[in-house]
């Protein structure tokens, strides 16, 4: 009887260790799969017809951003993270400091103080300057 009770405790201990190990593996996998996607890429405002579509491009190669319409550069400059969801944008001419707030992985809100807040949706994870020159710094 005493031997079977010891075997039961050993079996329960092994089960607890296995369950704890599986929970750890699942937690790490969940965290890796749900990591935030960087803000890098192309975002479009809600106007999906040319020439009114405004593009917002974040480029990780040189830490630049560009805000443009078809064949018209509106603004470009550099960006820096403030925290996980907020980025500070400094225009190249030094006249504007803007804030971009990421909501999830596919939406960015750009605070254009003179025009309010504009919502942009992700088009691509790769910076692309179709119909506009890349920012020059």
C-alpha atoms as a PDB file:
ATOM      1  CA  UNK A   1       0.000   0.000   0.000  1.00  0.00           C
ATOM      2  CA  UNK A   2       2.792   2.365   0.933  1.00  0.00           C
ATOM      3  CA  UNK A   3       4.639   1.552  -2.310  1.00  0.00           C
ATOM      4  CA  UNK A   4       1.575   2.240  -4.459  1.00  0.00           C
ATOM      5  CA  UNK A   5       1.042   5.588  -2.682  1.00  0.00           C
ATOM      6  CA  UNK A   6       4.647   6.560  -3.428  1.00  0.00           C
ATOM      7  CA  UNK A   7       4.170   5.611  -7.095  1.00  0.00           C
ATOM      8  CA  UNK A   8       1.011   7.718  -7.205  1.00  0.00           C
ATOM      9  CA  UNK A   9       2.890  10.775  -5.854  1.00  0.00           C
ATOM     10  CA  UNK A  10       5.675  10.248  -8.374  1.00  0.00           C
ATOM     11  CA  UNK A  11       3.162   9.964 -11.219  1.00  0.00           C
ATOM     12  CA  UNK A  12       1.379  13.136 -10.064  1.00  0.00           C
ATOM     13  CA  UNK A  13       4.714  14.976  -9.855  1.00  0.00           C
ATOM     14  CA  UNK A  14       5.646  13.912 -13.369  1.00  0.00           C
ATOM     15  CA  UNK A  15       2.208  15.048 -14.635  1.00  0.00           C
ATOM     16  CA  UNK A  16       2.617  18.467 -12.993  1.00  0.00           C
ATOM     17  CA  UNK A  17       6.068  18.890 -14.559  1.00  0.00           C
ATOM     18  CA  UNK A  18       4.743  17.895 -18.001  1.00  0.00           C
ATOM     19  CA  UNK A  19       1.745  20.232 -17.711  1.00  0.00           C
ATOM     20  CA  UNK A  20       3.975  23.098 -16.585  1.00  0.00           C
ATOM     21  CA  UNK A  21       6.363  22.434 -19.492  1.00  0.00           C
ATOM     22  CA  UNK A  22       3.512  22.381 -22.027  1.00  0.00           C
ATOM     23  CA  UNK A  23       2.028  25.581 -20.595  1.00  0.00           C
ATOM     24  CA  UNK A  24       5.418  27.283 -20.915  1.00  0.00           C
ATOM     25  CA  UNK A  25       5.827  26.158 -24.536  1.00  0.00           C
ATOM     26  CA  UNK A  26       2.305  27.345 -25.391  1.00  0.00           C
ATOM     27  CA  UNK A  27       2.860  30.710 -23.715  1.00  0.00           C
ATOM     28  CA  UNK A  28       6.139  31.335 -25.553  1.00  0.00           C
ATOM     29  CA  UNK A  29       4.582  30.289 -28.871  1.00  0.00           C
ATOM     30  CA  UNK A  30       1.604  32.570 -28.277  1.00  0.00           C
ATOM     31  CA  UNK A  31       3.858  35.539 -27.494  1.00  0.00           C
ATOM     32  CA  UNK A  32       5.975  34.958 -30.595  1.00  0.00           C
ATOM     33  CA  UNK A  33       2.951  34.697 -32.871  1.00  0.00           C
ATOM     34  CA  UNK A  34       1.302  37.800 -31.443  1.00  0.00           C
ATOM     35  CA  UNK A  35       4.293  40.129 -31.514  1.00  0.00           C
ATOM     36  CA  UNK A  36       3.609  43.498 -33.022  1.00  0.00           C
ATOM     37  CA  UNK A  37       4.547  44.002 -36.622  1.00  0.00           C
ATOM     38  CA  UNK A  38       6.832  47.016 -37.033  1.00  0.00           C
ATOM     39  CA  UNK A  39       5.304  50.200 -38.424  1.00  0.00           C
ATOM     40  CA  UNK A  40       7.505  49.774 -41.514  1.00  0.00           C
ATOM     41  CA  UNK A  41       5.601  49.673 -44.800  1.00  0.00           C
ATOM     42  CA  UNK A  42       2.992  51.507 -46.854  1.00  0.00           C
ATOM     43  CA  UNK A  43      -0.274  52.822 -45.441  1.00  0.00           C
ATOM     44  CA  UNK A  44      -3.131  54.430 -47.405  1.00  0.00           C
ATOM     45  CA  UNK A  45      -5.815  56.795 -46.231  1.00  0.00           C
ATOM     46  CA  UNK A  46      -9.454  55.980 -46.966  1.00  0.00           C
ATOM     47  CA  UNK A  47      -9.512  57.490 -50.452  1.00  0.00           C
ATOM     48  CA  UNK A  48      -8.683  54.580 -52.732  1.00  0.00           C
ATOM     49  CA  UNK A  49      -8.856  56.384 -56.042  1.00  0.00           C
ATOM     50  CA  UNK A  50      -6.075  58.305 -57.691  1.00  0.00           C
ATOM     51  CA  UNK A  51      -4.968  61.063 -57.521  1.00  0.00           C
ATOM     52  CA  UNK A  52      -6.538  61.721 -54.106  1.00  0.00           C
ATOM     53  CA  UNK A  53      -5.091  58.742 -52.241  1.00  0.00           C
ATOM     54  CA  UNK A  54      -2.554  59.819 -49.642  1.00  0.00           C
ATOM     55  CA  UNK A  55       0.294  57.383 -49.013  1.00  0.00           C
ATOM     56  CA  UNK A  56       2.232  57.197 -45.765  1.00  0.00           C
ATOM     57  CA  UNK A  57       5.476  55.230 -46.074  1.00  0.00           C
ATOM     58  CA  UNK A  58       7.745  54.271 -43.188  1.00  0.00           C
ATOM     59  CA  UNK A  59      11.187  53.085 -44.296  1.00  0.00           C
ATOM     60  CA  UNK A  60      13.395  51.185 -41.855  1.00  0.00           C
ATOM     61  CA  UNK A  61      16.501  51.415 -44.054  1.00  0.00           C
ATOM     62  CA  UNK A  62      17.155  54.990 -43.028  1.00  0.00           C
ATOM     63  CA  UNK A  63      14.412  55.808 -40.490  1.00  0.00           C
ATOM     64  CA  UNK A  64      12.496  58.054 -42.883  1.00  0.00           C
ATOM     65  CA  UNK A  65       8.854  58.590 -43.665  1.00  0.00           C
ATOM     66  CA  UNK A  66       7.102  60.097 -46.663  1.00  0.00           C
ATOM     67  CA  UNK A  67       3.587  61.504 -46.972  1.00  0.00           C
ATOM     68  CA  UNK A  68       2.541  61.914 -50.600  1.00  0.00           C
ATOM     69  CA  UNK A  69      -0.190  61.842 -53.234  1.00  0.00           C
ATOM     70  CA  UNK A  70       0.343  60.611 -56.750  1.00  0.00           C
ATOM     71  CA  UNK A  71       3.359  62.526 -58.121  1.00  0.00           C
ATOM     72  CA  UNK A  72       3.180  65.069 -55.269  1.00  0.00           C
ATOM     73  CA  UNK A  73       5.376  64.921 -52.173  1.00  0.00           C
ATOM     74  CA  UNK A  74       3.434  66.441 -49.278  1.00  0.00           C
ATOM     75  CA  UNK A  75       6.044  65.960 -46.589  1.00  0.00           C
ATOM     76  CA  UNK A  76       8.975  63.765 -45.677  1.00  0.00           C
ATOM     77  CA  UNK A  77      11.333  63.458 -42.776  1.00  0.00           C
ATOM     78  CA  UNK A  78      12.527  61.109 -40.079  1.00  0.00           C
ATOM     79  CA  UNK A  79      10.639  59.129 -37.455  1.00  0.00           C
ATOM     80  CA  UNK A  80      11.509  57.699 -34.076  1.00  0.00           C
ATOM     81  CA  UNK A  81       9.591  55.434 -31.721  1.00  0.00           C
ATOM     82  CA  UNK A  82       8.235  57.017 -28.562  1.00  0.00           C
ATOM     83  CA  UNK A  83       6.911  53.707 -27.257  1.00  0.00           C
ATOM     84  CA  UNK A  84       5.444  50.513 -28.758  1.00  0.00           C
ATOM     85  CA  UNK A  85       2.524  52.275 -30.441  1.00  0.00           C
ATOM     86  CA  UNK A  86       3.490  55.959 -30.744  1.00  0.00           C
ATOM     87  CA  UNK A  87       6.009  57.406 -33.194  1.00  0.00           C
ATOM     88  CA  UNK A  88       7.286  60.971 -33.468  1.00  0.00           C
ATOM     89  CA  UNK A  89       7.708  62.311 -37.009  1.00  0.00           C
ATOM     90  CA  UNK A  90      10.065  65.222 -37.706  1.00  0.00           C
ATOM     91  CA  UNK A  91       9.602  66.865 -41.099  1.00  0.00           C
ATOM     92  CA  UNK A  92      12.689  67.455 -43.195  1.00  0.00           C
ATOM     93  CA  UNK A  93      12.112  71.214 -43.297  1.00  0.00           C
ATOM     94  CA  UNK A  94      11.879  71.323 -39.488  1.00  0.00           C
ATOM     95  CA  UNK A  95       8.478  73.001 -39.547  1.00  0.00           C
ATOM     96  CA  UNK A  96       6.357  70.054 -38.428  1.00  0.00           C
ATOM     97  CA  UNK A  97       6.456  67.551 -35.619  1.00  0.00           C
ATOM     98  CA  UNK A  98       3.681  65.005 -35.967  1.00  0.00           C
ATOM     99  CA  UNK A  99       2.607  61.950 -34.057  1.00  0.00           C
ATOM    100  CA  UNK A 100       1.651  58.605 -35.536  1.00  0.00           C
ATOM    101  CA  UNK A 101      -0.213  56.151 -33.333  1.00  0.00           C
ATOM    102  CA  UNK A 102      -0.401  52.531 -34.369  1.00  0.00           C
ATOM    103  CA  UNK A 103      -3.635  50.696 -33.620  1.00  0.00           C
ATOM    104  CA  UNK A 104      -2.921  47.010 -33.995  1.00  0.00           C
ATOM    105  CA  UNK A 105      -0.657  46.043 -36.863  1.00  0.00           C
ATOM    106  CA  UNK A 106      -2.606  47.414 -39.803  1.00  0.00           C
ATOM    107  CA  UNK A 107      -3.909  50.861 -38.831  1.00  0.00           C
ATOM    108  CA  UNK A 108      -2.032  54.099 -38.170  1.00  0.00           C
ATOM    109  CA  UNK A 109      -3.578  57.358 -37.028  1.00  0.00           C
ATOM    110  CA  UNK A 110      -1.583  60.395 -38.118  1.00  0.00           C
ATOM    111  CA  UNK A 111      -2.133  63.591 -36.150  1.00  0.00           C
ATOM    112  CA  UNK A 112      -2.126  66.432 -38.696  1.00  0.00           C
ATOM    113  CA  UNK A 113      -2.781  69.310 -36.354  1.00  0.00           C
ATOM    114  CA  UNK A 114      -4.087  71.669 -39.022  1.00  0.00           C
ATOM    115  CA  UNK A 115      -6.291  68.950 -40.589  1.00  0.00           C
ATOM    116  CA  UNK A 116      -7.183  66.842 -37.559  1.00  0.00           C
ATOM    117  CA  UNK A 117      -6.487  63.122 -37.413  1.00  0.00           C
ATOM    118  CA  UNK A 118      -6.205  60.916 -40.481  1.00  0.00           C
ATOM    119  CA  UNK A 119      -6.617  57.146 -40.501  1.00  0.00           C
ATOM    120  CA  UNK A 120      -4.313  55.036 -42.675  1.00  0.00           C
ATOM    121  CA  UNK A 121      -4.565  51.297 -43.391  1.00  0.00           C
ATOM    122  CA  UNK A 122      -1.634  49.033 -44.208  1.00  0.00           C
ATOM    123  CA  UNK A 123      -1.196  48.207 -47.878  1.00  0.00           C
ATOM    124  CA  UNK A 124       2.204  46.541 -47.680  1.00  0.00           C
ATOM    125  CA  UNK A 125       4.933  45.576 -45.214  1.00  0.00           C
ATOM    126  CA  UNK A 126       7.567  46.790 -47.679  1.00  0.00           C
ATOM    127  CA  UNK A 127       8.338  50.488 -48.175  1.00  0.00           C
ATOM    128  CA  UNK A 128       7.333  51.419 -51.722  1.00  0.00           C
ATOM    129  CA  UNK A 129       7.376  54.836 -53.334  1.00  0.00           C
ATOM    130  CA  UNK A 130       5.169  54.215 -56.380  1.00  0.00           C
ATOM    131  CA  UNK A 131       4.371  57.473 -58.184  1.00  0.00           C
ATOM    132  CA  UNK A 132       6.491  59.586 -55.839  1.00  0.00           C
ATOM    133  CA  UNK A 133      10.205  60.094 -55.328  1.00  0.00           C
ATOM    134  CA  UNK A 134      11.718  58.522 -52.214  1.00  0.00           C
ATOM    135  CA  UNK A 135      12.530  60.996 -49.458  1.00  0.00           C
ATOM    136  CA  UNK A 136      15.953  62.537 -49.738  1.00  0.00           C
ATOM    137  CA  UNK A 137      18.058  63.218 -46.646  1.00  0.00           C
END
